[in-house]
Amino acid sequence: MPNTPNYPGRRAVRITARTVHLGAVIIIVGGAFWEHEPSGDWLAVLVLSGGIIMADDLYRRGEAYFRWVQFWGIALKLAAVGVGVAYPPLLLPSLAVAVILGSVVSHVPGSVRHRALWGENGPSEQGDGSGRGRKRREQAARRAGKGDRP
């Protein structure tokens, strides 16, 4: 997918949405820890900010996104939260599962996150046209060769 679409302000939108999303997670998990029911307002902020992040991924990656480990990790997070909302005694454990899944999926290498469960793999497996892998290899080669200079 070398030519994924972009738009002005994309980085700012993603950073803002992720920050708001994490803030809502912290407030909801903290409330659950202290045995307070999650506020509908904070749940709305959580869903809206997560929706913005997913919409950006879908815009940039298209329907292929639904085949990747990244999407299915998000689907499992939503299912875990749904269990907790439907059955309040399991809210805290289900939120913990969602946070752990989110952390794992966010921090595994892109080659895992973008691996397709069926069909073609995603950008980290194919090369997304950014040249990041090539740039890293070139930098490593330059660093390795620095000691050989006269």
Protein backbone atom coordinates (compact mmCIF):
# COMPACT_ATOMS: atom_id res chain seq x y z
CA MET A 1 0.00 0.00 0.00
CA PRO A 2 2.58 2.54 -1.03
CA ASN A 3 0.16 5.38 -1.70
CA THR A 4 -2.09 5.53 1.34
CA PRO A 5 -4.18 8.71 1.40
CA ASN A 6 -3.30 11.47 3.82
CA TYR A 7 -4.93 14.75 4.82
CA PRO A 8 -3.77 18.01 6.41
CA GLY A 9 -3.56 17.83 10.18
CA ARG A 10 -3.69 14.02 10.30
CA ARG A 11 -0.91 13.75 12.89
CA ALA A 12 -2.57 16.34 15.15
CA VAL A 13 -5.95 14.58 14.82
CA ARG A 14 -4.45 11.20 15.76
CA ILE A 15 -2.42 12.56 18.68
CA THR A 16 -5.44 14.43 20.04
CA ALA A 17 -7.79 11.46 19.60
CA ARG A 18 -5.34 9.04 21.24
CA THR A 19 -4.71 11.40 24.15
CA VAL A 20 -8.44 11.94 24.76
CA HIS A 21 -9.04 8.18 24.39
CA LEU A 22 -6.39 7.33 26.98
CA GLY A 23 -7.72 10.01 29.32
CA ALA A 24 -11.21 8.54 29.11
CA VAL A 25 -9.82 5.05 29.74
CA ILE A 26 -8.00 6.29 32.84
CA ILE A 27 -11.12 7.98 34.22
CA ILE A 28 -13.38 4.99 33.52
CA VAL A 29 -10.93 2.39 34.89
CA GLY A 30 -10.22 4.57 37.94
CA GLY A 31 -13.93 4.92 38.58
CA ALA A 32 -14.46 1.18 38.22
CA PHE A 33 -11.60 0.55 40.64
CA TRP A 34 -13.35 2.73 43.22
CA GLU A 35 -16.66 1.00 42.41
CA HIS A 36 -18.30 3.91 40.60
CA GLU A 37 -20.41 3.18 37.57
CA PRO A 38 -18.94 4.65 34.41
CA SER A 39 -20.50 7.94 33.41
CA GLY A 40 -22.34 7.97 30.11
CA ASP A 41 -20.41 11.12 29.19
CA TRP A 42 -17.02 9.44 29.61
CA LEU A 43 -18.19 6.33 27.78
CA ALA A 44 -19.30 8.62 24.94
CA VAL A 45 -15.88 10.33 24.92
CA LEU A 46 -14.21 6.90 24.88
CA VAL A 47 -16.32 5.63 21.98
CA LEU A 48 -16.06 8.88 19.99
CA SER A 49 -12.28 9.17 20.34
CA GLY A 50 -11.81 5.48 19.51
CA GLY A 51 -14.13 5.93 16.54
CA ILE A 52 -12.00 8.80 15.24
CA ILE A 53 -8.87 6.65 15.46
CA MET A 54 -10.59 3.77 13.65
CA ALA A 55 -12.06 6.09 11.02
CA ASP A 56 -8.57 7.40 10.27
CA ASP A 57 -7.24 3.84 9.95
CA LEU A 58 -10.14 2.87 7.68
CA TYR A 59 -9.69 5.99 5.54
CA ARG A 60 -6.00 5.33 5.08
CA ARG A 61 -6.07 1.54 4.76
CA GLY A 62 -9.50 0.71 3.37
CA GLU A 63 -11.32 -2.56 3.84
CA ALA A 64 -8.01 -4.44 4.21
CA TYR A 65 -7.94 -3.09 7.78
CA PHE A 66 -10.64 -5.62 8.75
CA ARG A 67 -8.25 -8.52 7.97
CA TRP A 68 -5.41 -7.36 10.24
CA VAL A 69 -4.49 -8.45 13.75
CA GLN A 70 -4.78 -4.76 14.75
CA PHE A 71 -8.52 -4.64 13.94
CA TRP A 72 -9.25 -7.96 15.65
CA GLY A 73 -7.41 -6.77 18.76
CA ILE A 74 -9.74 -3.78 18.83
CA ALA A 75 -12.75 -6.05 18.31
CA LEU A 76 -11.66 -8.13 21.33
CA LYS A 77 -11.26 -4.94 23.40
CA LEU A 78 -14.79 -3.88 22.50
CA ALA A 79 -16.13 -7.34 23.37
CA ALA A 80 -14.38 -7.25 26.76
CA VAL A 81 -15.80 -3.82 27.55
CA GLY A 82 -19.23 -4.97 26.38
CA VAL A 83 -19.12 -7.87 28.85
CA GLY A 84 -18.30 -5.46 31.68
CA VAL A 85 -21.03 -3.01 30.75
CA ALA A 86 -23.60 -5.81 30.38
CA TYR A 87 -22.57 -7.49 33.63
CA PRO A 88 -21.29 -4.83 36.07
CA PRO A 89 -19.59 -7.23 38.54
CA LEU A 90 -17.14 -8.02 35.72
CA LEU A 91 -16.56 -4.38 34.75
CA LEU A 92 -13.15 -3.95 36.36
CA PRO A 93 -11.71 -7.26 35.09
CA SER A 94 -13.11 -6.65 31.61
CA LEU A 95 -11.61 -3.15 31.52
CA ALA A 96 -8.28 -4.61 32.64
CA VAL A 97 -8.43 -7.11 29.77
CA ALA A 98 -9.21 -4.28 27.33
CA VAL A 99 -6.29 -2.16 28.60
CA ILE A 100 -3.89 -5.10 28.38
CA LEU A 101 -5.06 -5.98 24.87
CA GLY A 102 -4.74 -2.36 23.80
CA SER A 103 -1.22 -2.13 25.17
CA VAL A 104 -0.11 -5.35 23.54
CA VAL A 105 -1.63 -4.58 20.14
CA SER A 106 -0.25 -1.03 20.20
CA HIS A 107 3.28 -2.09 21.04
CA VAL A 108 3.87 -5.26 19.05
CA PRO A 109 5.94 -4.75 15.90
CA GLY A 110 4.04 -3.48 12.90
CA SER A 111 4.79 -6.75 11.14
CA VAL A 112 2.56 -8.48 13.72
CA ARG A 113 -0.04 -5.71 14.05
CA HIS A 114 -0.52 -5.54 10.27
CA ARG A 115 -0.43 -9.28 9.65
CA ALA A 116 -3.56 -10.39 7.83
CA LEU A 117 -5.61 -13.24 9.17
CA TRP A 118 -6.56 -13.86 5.52
CA GLY A 119 -5.56 -12.22 2.23
CA GLU A 120 -2.62 -9.85 1.79
CA ASN A 121 -0.68 -8.52 4.77
CA GLY A 122 -0.68 -4.85 5.70
CA PRO A 123 1.85 -2.06 5.17
CA SER A 124 4.50 -3.20 7.63
CA GLU A 125 4.66 -6.56 5.95
CA GLN A 126 4.62 -5.19 2.37
CA GLY A 127 6.42 -1.91 2.82
CA ASP A 128 4.15 1.12 3.13
CA GLY A 129 6.18 3.35 0.85
CA SER A 130 7.49 5.44 3.73
CA GLY A 131 11.01 4.10 3.35
CA ARG A 132 11.33 3.81 7.13
CA GLY A 133 12.75 0.29 7.01
CA ARG A 134 15.25 1.27 4.32
CA LYS A 135 16.24 4.40 6.23
CA ARG A 136 16.82 2.41 9.42
CA ARG A 137 18.97 -0.14 7.60
CA GLU A 138 21.01 2.64 5.98
CA GLN A 139 21.54 4.38 9.34
CA ALA A 140 22.62 1.13 10.96
CA ALA A 141 25.05 0.47 8.12
CA ARG A 142 26.52 3.99 8.47
CA ARG A 143 26.91 3.56 12.24
CA ALA A 144 28.57 0.20 11.75
CA GLY A 145 30.97 1.66 9.20
CA LYS A 146 31.96 4.74 11.23
CA GLY A 147 34.82 2.95 12.95
CA ASP A 148 36.35 2.05 9.56
CA ARG A 149 36.83 5.64 8.40
CA PRO A 150 40.43 6.93 8.13
